[in-house]
Amino acid sequence: MTGDMAGGAESPVYGILQMNEALDRLELREGYRFEVFNAALPVDSTKYAMKWDGEWHITIEVFRDLGLAFAVVLLLIYILVVGWFESFETPLTIMMASPSRSWILPAHALMARSSRRRR
């Protein structure tokens, strides 16, 4: 089955999140939960499950890997600046002043959380 997003929420992320919420409410007669997989494959083929694949699978893997690399780079920058200034507080001040490195991803996460609560 395939589909495409159009309208107010054109990103597939919003549609997939809504579908996941609906699938979480699904009650199976067999007595187990319907599992939804993003980056892994179902282990047990005797139970009902769904795997989001294609573009979504690639998106999940890329953002996971880039997020991990971003965190490692931030840690390395912190360590280098600690060594340069011989202080543990100065690097925090320097890094917090740069929104592109330190605040964009946490701010997006907070905004997404607060928008879900308002619904």
PDB file of N, CA and C in Angstrom:
ATOM      1  N   MET A   1       0.840  -1.160   0.000  1.00  0.00           N
ATOM      2  CA  MET A   1       0.000   0.000   0.000  1.00  0.00           C
ATOM      3  C   MET A   1       0.893   1.234   0.000  1.00  0.00           C
ATOM      4  N   THR A   2       0.530   2.260  -0.746  1.00  0.00           N
ATOM      5  CA  THR A   2       1.296   3.500  -0.784  1.00  0.00           C
ATOM      6  C   THR A   2       0.349   4.669  -0.580  1.00  0.00           C
ATOM      7  N   GLY A   3       0.927   5.808  -0.223  1.00  0.00           N
ATOM      8  CA  GLY A   3       0.126   7.009  -0.022  1.00  0.00           C
ATOM      9  C   GLY A   3       1.003   8.236  -0.101  1.00  0.00           C
ATOM     10  N   ASP A   4       0.368   9.384  -0.212  1.00  0.00           N
ATOM     11  CA  ASP A   4       1.092  10.648  -0.278  1.00  0.00           C
ATOM     12  C   ASP A   4       0.347  11.668   0.566  1.00  0.00           C
ATOM     13  N   MET A   5       1.084  12.586   1.167  1.00  0.00           N
ATOM     14  CA  MET A   5       0.489  13.616   2.013  1.00  0.00           C
ATOM     15  C   MET A   5       0.281  14.888   1.201  1.00  0.00           C
ATOM     16  N   ALA A   6      -0.829  15.553   1.443  1.00  0.00           N
ATOM     17  CA  ALA A   6      -1.105  16.841   0.809  1.00  0.00           C
ATOM     18  C   ALA A   6      -2.017  17.632   1.735  1.00  0.00           C
ATOM     19  N   GLY A   7      -1.987  18.931   1.583  1.00  0.00           N
ATOM     20  CA  GLY A   7      -2.851  19.779   2.402  1.00  0.00           C
ATOM     21  C   GLY A   7      -2.069  20.517   3.467  1.00  0.00           C
ATOM     22  N   GLY A   8      -2.684  20.670   4.640  1.00  0.00           N
ATOM     23  CA  GLY A   8      -2.074  21.436   5.716  1.00  0.00           C
ATOM     24  C   GLY A   8      -0.813  20.802   6.279  1.00  0.00           C
ATOM     25  N   ALA A   9      -0.776  19.500   6.383  1.00  0.00           N
ATOM     26  CA  ALA A   9       0.396  18.789   6.907  1.00  0.00           C
ATOM     27  C   ALA A   9       0.989  17.949   5.794  1.00  0.00           C
ATOM     28  N   GLU A  10       1.895  18.532   5.042  1.00  0.00           N
ATOM     29  CA  GLU A  10       2.434  17.817   3.881  1.00  0.00           C
ATOM     30  C   GLU A  10       3.588  16.885   4.223  1.00  0.00           C
ATOM     31  N   SER A  11       4.118  17.006   5.415  1.00  0.00           N
ATOM     32  CA  SER A  11       5.206  16.116   5.815  1.00  0.00           C
ATOM     33  C   SER A  11       4.635  14.757   6.196  1.00  0.00           C
ATOM     34  N   PRO A  12       5.246  13.678   5.737  1.00  0.00           N
ATOM     35  CA  PRO A  12       4.737  12.356   6.086  1.00  0.00           C
ATOM     36  C   PRO A  12       4.840  12.053   7.582  1.00  0.00           C
ATOM     37  N   VAL A  13       5.693  12.779   8.298  1.00  0.00           N
ATOM     38  CA  VAL A  13       5.861  12.527   9.731  1.00  0.00           C
ATOM     39  C   VAL A  13       4.532  12.673  10.461  1.00  0.00           C
ATOM     40  N   TYR A  14       3.768  13.725  10.165  1.00  0.00           N
ATOM     41  CA  TYR A  14       2.512  13.972  10.866  1.00  0.00           C
ATOM     42  C   TYR A  14       1.488  12.878  10.588  1.00  0.00           C
ATOM     43  N   GLY A  15       1.410  12.460   9.361  1.00  0.00           N
ATOM     44  CA  GLY A  15       0.492  11.378   9.011  1.00  0.00           C
ATOM     45  C   GLY A  15       0.875  10.068   9.671  1.00  0.00           C
ATOM     46  N   ILE A  16       2.160   9.772   9.701  1.00  0.00           N
ATOM     47  CA  ILE A  16       2.630   8.532  10.320  1.00  0.00           C
ATOM     48  C   ILE A  16       2.373   8.562  11.821  1.00  0.00           C
ATOM     49  N   LEU A  17       2.610   9.700  12.463  1.00  0.00           N
ATOM     50  CA  LEU A  17       2.346   9.796  13.906  1.00  0.00           C
ATOM     51  C   LEU A  17       0.863   9.621  14.214  1.00  0.00           C
ATOM     52  N   GLN A  18      -0.018  10.178  13.385  1.00  0.00           N
ATOM     53  CA  GLN A  18      -1.453   9.987  13.586  1.00  0.00           C
ATOM     54  C   GLN A  18      -1.849   8.529  13.377  1.00  0.00           C
ATOM     55  N   MET A  19      -1.272   7.911  12.361  1.00  0.00           N
ATOM     56  CA  MET A  19      -1.557   6.495  12.111  1.00  0.00           C
ATOM     57  C   MET A  19      -1.068   5.627  13.269  1.00  0.00           C
ATOM     58  N   ASN A  20       0.121   5.947  13.808  1.00  0.00           N
ATOM     59  CA  ASN A  20       0.653   5.174  14.936  1.00  0.00           C
ATOM     60  C   ASN A  20      -0.261   5.277  16.145  1.00  0.00           C
ATOM     61  N   GLU A  21      -0.817   6.464  16.403  1.00  0.00           N
ATOM     62  CA  GLU A  21      -1.758   6.622  17.520  1.00  0.00           C
ATOM     63  C   GLU A  21      -2.997   5.757  17.320  1.00  0.00           C
ATOM     64  N   ALA A  22      -3.506   5.736  16.095  1.00  0.00           N
ATOM     65  CA  ALA A  22      -4.686   4.917  15.802  1.00  0.00           C
ATOM     66  C   ALA A  22      -4.349   3.425  15.915  1.00  0.00           C
ATOM     67  N   LEU A  23      -3.166   3.046  15.477  1.00  0.00           N
ATOM     68  CA  LEU A  23      -2.761   1.637  15.561  1.00  0.00           C
ATOM     69  C   LEU A  23      -2.526   1.205  17.006  1.00  0.00           C
ATOM     70  N   ASP A  24      -2.085   2.131  17.863  1.00  0.00           N
ATOM     71  CA  ASP A  24      -1.906   1.812  19.282  1.00  0.00           C
ATOM     72  C   ASP A  24      -3.241   1.486  19.953  1.00  0.00           C
ATOM     73  N   ARG A  25      -4.311   2.091  19.482  1.00  0.00           N
ATOM     74  CA  ARG A  25      -5.638   1.846  20.059  1.00  0.00           C
ATOM     75  C   ARG A  25      -6.279   0.564  19.522  1.00  0.00           C
ATOM     76  N   LEU A  26      -5.671  -0.039  18.539  1.00  0.00           N
ATOM     77  CA  LEU A  26      -6.218  -1.238  17.908  1.00  0.00           C
ATOM     78  C   LEU A  26      -6.157  -2.421  18.877  1.00  0.00           C
ATOM     79  N   GLU A  27      -7.289  -3.062  19.082  1.00  0.00           N
ATOM     80  CA  GLU A  27      -7.360  -4.225  19.968  1.00  0.00           C
ATOM     81  C   GLU A  27      -7.474  -5.486  19.118  1.00  0.00           C
ATOM     82  N   LEU A  28      -6.576  -6.408  19.338  1.00  0.00           N
ATOM     83  CA  LEU A  28      -6.582  -7.658  18.582  1.00  0.00           C
ATOM     84  C   LEU A  28      -7.275  -8.757  19.384  1.00  0.00           C
ATOM     85  N   ARG A  29      -8.014  -9.609  18.710  1.00  0.00           N
ATOM     86  CA  ARG A  29      -8.713 -10.710  19.374  1.00  0.00           C
ATOM     87  C   ARG A  29      -7.736 -11.709  19.989  1.00  0.00           C
ATOM     88  N   GLU A  30      -6.544 -11.785  19.400  1.00  0.00           N
ATOM     89  CA  GLU A  30      -5.567 -12.771  19.850  1.00  0.00           C
ATOM     90  C   GLU A  30      -4.965 -12.433  21.208  1.00  0.00           C
ATOM     91  N   GLY A  31      -5.143 -11.199  21.696  1.00  0.00           N
ATOM     92  CA  GLY A  31      -4.694 -10.834  23.033  1.00  0.00           C
ATOM     93  C   GLY A  31      -3.314 -10.196  23.120  1.00  0.00           C
ATOM     94  N   TYR A  32      -2.748  -9.777  22.029  1.00  0.00           N
ATOM     95  CA  TYR A  32      -1.459  -9.081  22.074  1.00  0.00           C
ATOM     96  C   TYR A  32      -1.590  -7.752  21.344  1.00  0.00           C
ATOM     97  N   ARG A  33      -0.597  -6.899  21.531  1.00  0.00           N
ATOM     98  CA  ARG A  33      -0.627  -5.572  20.913  1.00  0.00           C
ATOM     99  C   ARG A  33      -0.124  -5.636  19.478  1.00  0.00           C
ATOM    100  N   PHE A  34      -0.731  -4.822  18.645  1.00  0.00           N
ATOM    101  CA  PHE A  34      -0.284  -4.641  17.267  1.00  0.00           C
ATOM    102  C   PHE A  34       1.005  -3.827  17.310  1.00  0.00           C
ATOM    103  N   GLU A  35       2.105  -4.389  16.825  1.00  0.00           N
ATOM    104  CA  GLU A  35       3.393  -3.701  16.886  1.00  0.00           C
ATOM    105  C   GLU A  35       3.661  -2.932  15.607  1.00  0.00           C
ATOM    106  N   VAL A  36       4.271  -1.746  15.762  1.00  0.00           N
ATOM    107  CA  VAL A  36       4.644  -0.904  14.638  1.00  0.00           C
ATOM    108  C   VAL A  36       6.153  -0.740  14.670  1.00  0.00           C
ATOM    109  N   PHE A  37       6.806  -0.996  13.544  1.00  0.00           N
ATOM    110  CA  PHE A  37       8.263  -0.915  13.448  1.00  0.00           C
ATOM    111  C   PHE A  37       8.654   0.211  12.499  1.00  0.00           C
ATOM    112  N   ASN A  38       9.704   0.957  12.886  1.00  0.00           N
ATOM    113  CA  ASN A  38      10.208   2.041  12.047  1.00  0.00           C
ATOM    114  C   ASN A  38      11.517   1.675  11.365  1.00  0.00           C
ATOM    115  N   ALA A  39      12.516   1.277  12.143  1.00  0.00           N
ATOM    116  CA  ALA A  39      13.831   1.008  11.571  1.00  0.00           C
ATOM    117  C   ALA A  39      14.209  -0.469  11.626  1.00  0.00           C
ATOM    118  N   ALA A  40      13.474  -1.257  12.386  1.00  0.00           N
ATOM    119  CA  ALA A  40      13.777  -2.680  12.514  1.00  0.00           C
ATOM    120  C   ALA A  40      12.674  -3.505  11.860  1.00  0.00           C
ATOM    121  N   LEU A  41      12.980  -4.749  11.637  1.00  0.00           N
ATOM    122  CA  LEU A  41      11.989  -5.670  11.079  1.00  0.00           C
ATOM    123  C   LEU A  41      11.310  -6.439  12.207  1.00  0.00           C
ATOM    124  N   PRO A  42      10.061  -6.849  12.020  1.00  0.00           N
ATOM    125  CA  PRO A  42       9.396  -7.675  13.036  1.00  0.00           C
ATOM    126  C   PRO A  42      10.157  -8.986  13.239  1.00  0.00           C
ATOM    127  N   VAL A  43      10.252  -9.412  14.483  1.00  0.00           N
ATOM    128  CA  VAL A  43      10.989 -10.634  14.810  1.00  0.00           C
ATOM    129  C   VAL A  43      10.103 -11.862  14.638  1.00  0.00           C
ATOM    130  N   ASP A  44       8.855 -11.747  15.055  1.00  0.00           N
ATOM    131  CA  ASP A  44       7.927 -12.873  15.043  1.00  0.00           C
ATOM    132  C   ASP A  44       6.928 -12.693  13.902  1.00  0.00           C
ATOM    133  N   SER A  45       6.987 -13.579  12.927  1.00  0.00           N
ATOM    134  CA  SER A  45       6.090 -13.458  11.770  1.00  0.00           C
ATOM    135  C   SER A  45       4.726 -14.103  12.011  1.00  0.00           C
ATOM    136  N   THR A  46       4.508 -14.667  13.187  1.00  0.00           N
ATOM    137  CA  THR A  46       3.212 -15.281  13.477  1.00  0.00           C
ATOM    138  C   THR A  46       2.223 -14.281  14.073  1.00  0.00           C
ATOM    139  N   LYS A  47       2.698 -13.074  14.433  1.00  0.00           N
ATOM    140  CA  LYS A  47       1.834 -12.050  15.015  1.00  0.00           C
ATOM    141  C   LYS A  47       1.671 -10.900  14.025  1.00  0.00           C
ATOM    142  N   TYR A  48       0.538 -10.198  14.160  1.00  0.00           N
ATOM    143  CA  TYR A  48       0.299  -9.045  13.310  1.00  0.00           C
ATOM    144  C   TYR A  48       1.264  -7.918  13.681  1.00  0.00           C
ATOM    145  N   ALA A  49       1.851  -7.301  12.672  1.00  0.00           N
ATOM    146  CA  ALA A  49       2.764  -6.176  12.879  1.00  0.00           C
ATOM    147  C   ALA A  49       2.817  -5.385  11.580  1.00  0.00           C
ATOM    148  N   MET A  50       3.342  -4.169  11.677  1.00  0.00           N
ATOM    149  CA  MET A  50       3.480  -3.342  10.485  1.00  0.00           C
ATOM    150  C   MET A  50       4.848  -2.673  10.497  1.00  0.00           C
ATOM    151  N   LYS A  51       5.484  -2.604   9.354  1.00  0.00           N
ATOM    152  CA  LYS A  51       6.793  -1.969   9.214  1.00  0.00           C
ATOM    153  C   LYS A  51       6.643  -0.762   8.294  1.00  0.00           C
ATOM    154  N   TRP A  52       6.930   0.458   8.838  1.00  0.00           N
ATOM    155  CA  TRP A  52       6.982   1.649   7.988  1.00  0.00           C
ATOM    156  C   TRP A  52       8.273   1.545   7.204  1.00  0.00           C
ATOM    157  N   ASP A  53       8.182   1.574   5.891  1.00  0.00           N
ATOM    158  CA  ASP A  53       9.365   1.340   5.070  1.00  0.00           C
ATOM    159  C   ASP A  53       9.538   2.451   4.053  1.00  0.00           C
ATOM    160  N   GLY A  54      10.443   2.254   3.132  1.00  0.00           N
ATOM    161  CA  GLY A  54      10.674   3.208   2.061  1.00  0.00           C
ATOM    162  C   GLY A  54      11.332   4.483   2.561  1.00  0.00           C
ATOM    163  N   GLU A  55      10.761   5.616   2.166  1.00  0.00           N
ATOM    164  CA  GLU A  55      11.321   6.924   2.504  1.00  0.00           C
ATOM    165  C   GLU A  55      11.385   7.142   4.018  1.00  0.00           C
ATOM    166  N   TRP A  56      10.382   6.650   4.751  1.00  0.00           N
ATOM    167  CA  TRP A  56      10.360   6.828   6.200  1.00  0.00           C
ATOM    168  C   TRP A  56      11.519   6.084   6.868  1.00  0.00           C
ATOM    169  N   HIS A  57      11.810   4.877   6.414  1.00  0.00           N
ATOM    170  CA  HIS A  57      12.918   4.090   6.970  1.00  0.00           C
ATOM    171  C   HIS A  57      14.235   4.833   6.758  1.00  0.00           C
ATOM    172  N   ILE A  58      14.433   5.365   5.582  1.00  0.00           N
ATOM    173  CA  ILE A  58      15.660   6.112   5.284  1.00  0.00           C
ATOM    174  C   ILE A  58      15.740   7.368   6.145  1.00  0.00           C
ATOM    175  N   THR A  59      14.626   8.079   6.295  1.00  0.00           N
ATOM    176  CA  THR A  59      14.593   9.296   7.115  1.00  0.00           C
ATOM    177  C   THR A  59      14.965   8.984   8.559  1.00  0.00           C
ATOM    178  N   ILE A  60      14.388   7.934   9.130  1.00  0.00           N
ATOM    179  CA  ILE A  60      14.685   7.543  10.512  1.00  0.00           C
ATOM    180  C   ILE A  60      16.174   7.245  10.676  1.00  0.00           C
ATOM    181  N   GLU A  61      16.735   6.460   9.759  1.00  0.00           N
ATOM    182  CA  GLU A  61      18.152   6.099   9.875  1.00  0.00           C
ATOM    183  C   GLU A  61      19.064   7.312   9.731  1.00  0.00           C
ATOM    184  N   VAL A  62      18.763   8.187   8.792  1.00  0.00           N
ATOM    185  CA  VAL A  62      19.608   9.367   8.574  1.00  0.00           C
ATOM    186  C   VAL A  62      19.564  10.282   9.784  1.00  0.00           C
ATOM    187  N   PHE A  63      18.364  10.585  10.297  1.00  0.00           N
ATOM    188  CA  PHE A  63      18.273  11.473  11.449  1.00  0.00           C
ATOM    189  C   PHE A  63      18.868  10.846  12.701  1.00  0.00           C
ATOM    190  N   ARG A  64      18.737   9.547  12.854  1.00  0.00           N
ATOM    191  CA  ARG A  64      19.361   8.870  13.997  1.00  0.00           C
ATOM    192  C   ARG A  64      20.882   9.006  13.930  1.00  0.00           C
ATOM    193  N   ASP A  65      21.446   8.720  12.770  1.00  0.00           N
ATOM    194  CA  ASP A  65      22.899   8.782  12.609  1.00  0.00           C
ATOM    195  C   ASP A  65      23.421  10.208  12.699  1.00  0.00           C
ATOM    196  N   LEU A  66      22.725  11.155  12.065  1.00  0.00           N
ATOM    197  CA  LEU A  66      23.160  12.550  12.139  1.00  0.00           C
ATOM    198  C   LEU A  66      23.012  13.113  13.548  1.00  0.00           C
ATOM    199  N   GLY A  67      21.959  12.723  14.249  1.00  0.00           N
ATOM    200  CA  GLY A  67      21.784  13.173  15.628  1.00  0.00           C
ATOM    201  C   GLY A  67      22.887  12.659  16.532  1.00  0.00           C
ATOM    202  N   LEU A  68      23.273  11.408  16.351  1.00  0.00           N
ATOM    203  CA  LEU A  68      24.364  10.844  17.130  1.00  0.00           C
ATOM    204  C   LEU A  68      25.679  11.555  16.811  1.00  0.00           C
ATOM    205  N   ALA A  69      25.946  11.786  15.539  1.00  0.00           N
ATOM    206  CA  ALA A  69      27.163  12.502  15.147  1.00  0.00           C
ATOM    207  C   ALA A  69      27.160  13.926  15.701  1.00  0.00           C
ATOM    208  N   PHE A  70      26.011  14.577  15.688  1.00  0.00           N
ATOM    209  CA  PHE A  70      25.875  15.934  16.220  1.00  0.00           C
ATOM    210  C   PHE A  70      26.207  15.964  17.711  1.00  0.00           C
ATOM    211  N   ALA A  71      25.705  14.984  18.455  1.00  0.00           N
ATOM    212  CA  ALA A  71      25.977  14.911  19.893  1.00  0.00           C
ATOM    213  C   ALA A  71      27.454  14.677  20.166  1.00  0.00           C
ATOM    214  N   VAL A  72      28.088  13.820  19.390  1.00  0.00           N
ATOM    215  CA  VAL A  72      29.520  13.552  19.562  1.00  0.00           C
ATOM    216  C   VAL A  72      30.340  14.807  19.268  1.00  0.00           C
ATOM    217  N   VAL A  73      29.975  15.525  18.213  1.00  0.00           N
ATOM    218  CA  VAL A  73      30.705  16.752  17.862  1.00  0.00           C
ATOM    219  C   VAL A  73      30.533  17.801  18.955  1.00  0.00           C
ATOM    220  N   LEU A  74      29.332  17.953  19.489  1.00  0.00           N
ATOM    221  CA  LEU A  74      29.128  18.904  20.586  1.00  0.00           C
ATOM    222  C   LEU A  74      29.989  18.551  21.791  1.00  0.00           C
ATOM    223  N   LEU A  75      30.089  17.278  22.107  1.00  0.00           N
ATOM    224  CA  LEU A  75      30.924  16.847  23.219  1.00  0.00           C
ATOM    225  C   LEU A  75      32.397  17.140  22.945  1.00  0.00           C
ATOM    226  N   LEU A  76      32.851  16.872  21.723  1.00  0.00           N
ATOM    227  CA  LEU A  76      34.243  17.159  21.368  1.00  0.00           C
ATOM    228  C   LEU A  76      34.539  18.657  21.417  1.00  0.00           C
ATOM    229  N   ILE A  77      33.620  19.473  20.949  1.00  0.00           N
ATOM    230  CA  ILE A  77      33.807  20.929  21.023  1.00  0.00           C
ATOM    231  C   ILE A  77      33.903  21.355  22.479  1.00  0.00           C
ATOM    232  N   TYR A  78      33.035  20.819  23.313  1.00  0.00           N
ATOM    233  CA  TYR A  78      33.065  21.154  24.737  1.00  0.00           C
ATOM    234  C   TYR A  78      34.422  20.796  25.345  1.00  0.00           C
ATOM    235  N   ILE A  79      34.918  19.588  25.060  1.00  0.00           N
ATOM    236  CA  ILE A  79      36.201  19.139  25.605  1.00  0.00           C
ATOM    237  C   ILE A  79      37.343  20.039  25.121  1.00  0.00           C
ATOM    238  N   LEU A  80      37.345  20.397  23.841  1.00  0.00           N
ATOM    239  CA  LEU A  80      38.390  21.278  23.315  1.00  0.00           C
ATOM    240  C   LEU A  80      38.368  22.653  23.971  1.00  0.00           C
ATOM    241  N   VAL A  81      37.173  23.199  24.156  1.00  0.00           N
ATOM    242  CA  VAL A  81      37.069  24.530  24.755  1.00  0.00           C
ATOM    243  C   VAL A  81      37.424  24.480  26.246  1.00  0.00           C
ATOM    244  N   VAL A  82      37.099  23.377  26.931  1.00  0.00           N
ATOM    245  CA  VAL A  82      37.527  23.222  28.327  1.00  0.00           C
ATOM    246  C   VAL A  82      39.050  23.235  28.399  1.00  0.00           C
ATOM    247  N   GLY A  83      39.683  22.518  27.497  1.00  0.00           N
ATOM    248  CA  GLY A  83      41.151  22.496  27.480  1.00  0.00           C
ATOM    249  C   GLY A  83      41.742  23.856  27.160  1.00  0.00           C
ATOM    250  N   TRP A  84      41.114  24.590  26.273  1.00  0.00           N
ATOM    251  CA  TRP A  84      41.636  25.901  25.875  1.00  0.00           C
ATOM    252  C   TRP A  84      41.506  26.932  26.999  1.00  0.00           C
ATOM    253  N   PHE A  85      40.338  27.009  27.613  1.00  0.00           N
ATOM    254  CA  PHE A  85      40.090  28.027  28.647  1.00  0.00           C
ATOM    255  C   PHE A  85      40.365  27.524  30.070  1.00  0.00           C
ATOM    256  N   GLU A  86      40.631  26.224  30.214  1.00  0.00           N
ATOM    257  CA  GLU A  86      40.881  25.623  31.519  1.00  0.00           C
ATOM    258  C   GLU A  86      39.763  25.936  32.511  1.00  0.00           C
ATOM    259  N   SER A  87      38.542  25.806  32.028  1.00  0.00           N
ATOM    260  CA  SER A  87      37.358  26.072  32.836  1.00  0.00           C
ATOM    261  C   SER A  87      36.220  25.206  32.313  1.00  0.00           C
ATOM    262  N   PHE A  88      35.377  24.732  33.229  1.00  0.00           N
ATOM    263  CA  PHE A  88      34.227  23.936  32.811  1.00  0.00           C
ATOM    264  C   PHE A  88      32.997  24.798  32.531  1.00  0.00           C
ATOM    265  N   GLU A  89      32.970  26.011  33.031  1.00  0.00           N
ATOM    266  CA  GLU A  89      31.815  26.898  32.849  1.00  0.00           C
ATOM    267  C   GLU A  89      31.892  27.734  31.579  1.00  0.00           C
ATOM    268  N   THR A  90      33.077  28.184  31.209  1.00  0.00           N
ATOM    269  CA  THR A  90      33.234  29.037  30.024  1.00  0.00           C
ATOM    270  C   THR A  90      32.726  28.357  28.747  1.00  0.00           C
ATOM    271  N   PRO A  91      33.056  27.091  28.511  1.00  0.00           N
ATOM    272  CA  PRO A  91      32.530  26.443  27.294  1.00  0.00           C
ATOM    273  C   PRO A  91      31.001  26.402  27.246  1.00  0.00           C
ATOM    274  N   LEU A  92      30.371  26.217  28.416  1.00  0.00           N
ATOM    275  CA  LEU A  92      28.905  26.211  28.431  1.00  0.00           C
ATOM    276  C   LEU A  92      28.363  27.568  28.013  1.00  0.00           C
ATOM    277  N   THR A  93      28.988  28.634  28.504  1.00  0.00           N
ATOM    278  CA  THR A  93      28.566  29.987  28.133  1.00  0.00           C
ATOM    279  C   THR A  93      28.748  30.212  26.640  1.00  0.00           C
ATOM    280  N   ILE A  94      29.873  29.788  26.126  1.00  0.00           N
ATOM    281  CA  ILE A  94      30.153  29.965  24.689  1.00  0.00           C
ATOM    282  C   ILE A  94      29.177  29.154  23.848  1.00  0.00           C
ATOM    283  N   MET A  95      28.939  27.922  24.216  1.00  0.00           N
ATOM    284  CA  MET A  95      28.090  27.051  23.410  1.00  0.00           C
ATOM    285  C   MET A  95      26.615  27.429  23.495  1.00  0.00           C
ATOM    286  N   MET A  96      26.157  27.939  24.616  1.00  0.00           N
ATOM    287  CA  MET A  96      24.765  28.365  24.745  1.00  0.00           C
ATOM    288  C   MET A  96      24.489  29.643  23.959  1.00  0.00           C
ATOM    289  N   ALA A  97      25.511  30.403  23.674  1.00  0.00           N
ATOM    290  CA  ALA A  97      25.321  31.638  22.909  1.00  0.00           C
ATOM    291  C   ALA A  97      25.169  31.364  21.417  1.00  0.00           C
ATOM    292  N   SER A  98      25.450  30.156  20.997  1.00  0.00           N
ATOM    293  CA  SER A  98      25.354  29.810  19.583  1.00  0.00           C
ATOM    294  C   SER A  98      24.097  28.967  19.355  1.00  0.00           C
ATOM    295  N   PRO A  99      23.008  29.572  18.906  1.00  0.00           N
ATOM    296  CA  PRO A  99      21.748  28.821  18.778  1.00  0.00           C
ATOM    297  C   PRO A  99      21.807  27.698  17.752  1.00  0.00           C
ATOM    298  N   SER A 100      22.594  27.847  16.726  1.00  0.00           N
ATOM    299  CA  SER A 100      22.606  26.804  15.704  1.00  0.00           C
ATOM    300  C   SER A 100      23.194  25.507  16.229  1.00  0.00           C
ATOM    301  N   ARG A 101      24.078  25.590  17.214  1.00  0.00           N
ATOM    302  CA  ARG A 101      24.687  24.368  17.731  1.00  0.00           C
ATOM    303  C   ARG A 101      23.946  23.802  18.930  1.00  0.00           C
ATOM    304  N   SER A 102      23.370  24.662  19.728  1.00  0.00           N
ATOM    305  CA  SER A 102      22.927  24.193  21.034  1.00  0.00           C
ATOM    306  C   SER A 102      21.427  24.208  21.262  1.00  0.00           C
ATOM    307  N   TRP A 103      20.686  25.069  20.600  1.00  0.00           N
ATOM    308  CA  TRP A 103      19.296  25.263  20.978  1.00  0.00           C
ATOM    309  C   TRP A 103      18.265  24.825  19.951  1.00  0.00           C
ATOM    310  N   ILE A 104      18.633  24.680  18.713  1.00  0.00           N
ATOM    311  CA  ILE A 104      17.628  24.403  17.682  1.00  0.00           C
ATOM    312  C   ILE A 104      16.943  23.050  17.901  1.00  0.00           C
ATOM    313  N   LEU A 105      17.686  21.977  18.076  1.00  0.00           N
ATOM    314  CA  LEU A 105      17.070  20.657  18.226  1.00  0.00           C
ATOM    315  C   LEU A 105      16.262  20.536  19.515  1.00  0.00           C
ATOM    316  N   PRO A 106      16.790  20.975  20.682  1.00  0.00           N
ATOM    317  CA  PRO A 106      15.934  20.913  21.886  1.00  0.00           C
ATOM    318  C   PRO A 106      14.687  21.787  21.766  1.00  0.00           C
ATOM    319  N   ALA A 107      14.804  22.945  21.120  1.00  0.00           N
ATOM    320  CA  ALA A 107      13.637  23.823  20.962  1.00  0.00           C
ATOM    321  C   ALA A 107      12.576  23.153  20.087  1.00  0.00           C
ATOM    322  N   HIS A 108      12.995  22.486  19.018  1.00  0.00           N
ATOM    323  CA  HIS A 108      12.035  21.769  18.170  1.00  0.00           C
ATOM    324  C   HIS A 108      11.352  20.657  18.954  1.00  0.00           C
ATOM    325  N   ALA A 109      12.108  19.946  19.762  1.00  0.00           N
ATOM    326  CA  ALA A 109      11.523  18.865  20.560  1.00  0.00           C
ATOM    327  C   ALA A 109      10.507  19.417  21.558  1.00  0.00           C
ATOM    328  N   LEU A 110      10.842  20.538  22.209  1.00  0.00           N
ATOM    329  CA  LEU A 110       9.902  21.139  23.156  1.00  0.00           C
ATOM    330  C   LEU A 110       8.652  21.646  22.464  1.00  0.00           C
ATOM    331  N   MET A 111       8.806  22.248  21.288  1.00  0.00           N
ATOM    332  CA  MET A 111       7.650  22.766  20.553  1.00  0.00           C
ATOM    333  C   MET A 111       6.740  21.617  20.114  1.00  0.00           C
ATOM    334  N   ALA A 112       7.318  20.512  19.704  1.00  0.00           N
ATOM    335  CA  ALA A 112       6.514  19.368  19.278  1.00  0.00           C
ATOM    336  C   ALA A 112       5.742  18.799  20.465  1.00  0.00           C
ATOM    337  N   ARG A 113       6.390  18.732  21.631  1.00  0.00           N
ATOM    338  CA  ARG A 113       5.725  18.215  22.824  1.00  0.00           C
ATOM    339  C   ARG A 113       4.577  19.111  23.243  1.00  0.00           C
ATOM    340  N   SER A 114       4.805  20.425  23.215  1.00  0.00           N
ATOM    341  CA  SER A 114       3.753  21.347  23.656  1.00  0.00           C
ATOM    342  C   SER A 114       2.593  21.375  22.670  1.00  0.00           C
ATOM    343  N   SER A 115       2.856  21.202  21.372  1.00  0.00           N
ATOM    344  CA  SER A 115       1.761  21.205  20.407  1.00  0.00           C
ATOM    345  C   SER A 115       0.915  19.943  20.525  1.00  0.00           C
ATOM    346  N   ARG A 116       1.514  18.816  20.937  1.00  0.00           N
ATOM    347  CA  ARG A 116       0.744  17.592  21.129  1.00  0.00           C
ATOM    348  C   ARG A 116      -0.173  17.705  22.335  1.00  0.00           C
ATOM    349  N   ARG A 117       0.268  18.434  23.380  1.00  0.00           N
ATOM    350  CA  ARG A 117      -0.561  18.588  24.571  1.00  0.00           C
ATOM    351  C   ARG A 117      -1.781  19.441  24.301  1.00  0.00           C
ATOM    352  N   ARG A 118      -1.679  20.412  23.382  1.00  0.00           N
ATOM    353  CA  ARG A 118      -2.786  21.318  23.100  1.00  0.00           C
ATOM    354  C   ARG A 118      -3.911  20.651  22.341  1.00  0.00           C
ATOM    355  N   ARG A 119      -3.641  19.556  21.660  1.00  0.00           N
ATOM    356  CA  ARG A 119      -4.662  18.897  20.835  1.00  0.00           C
ATOM    357  C   ARG A 119      -5.704  18.224  21.663  1.00  0.00           C
TER     358      ARG A 119
END
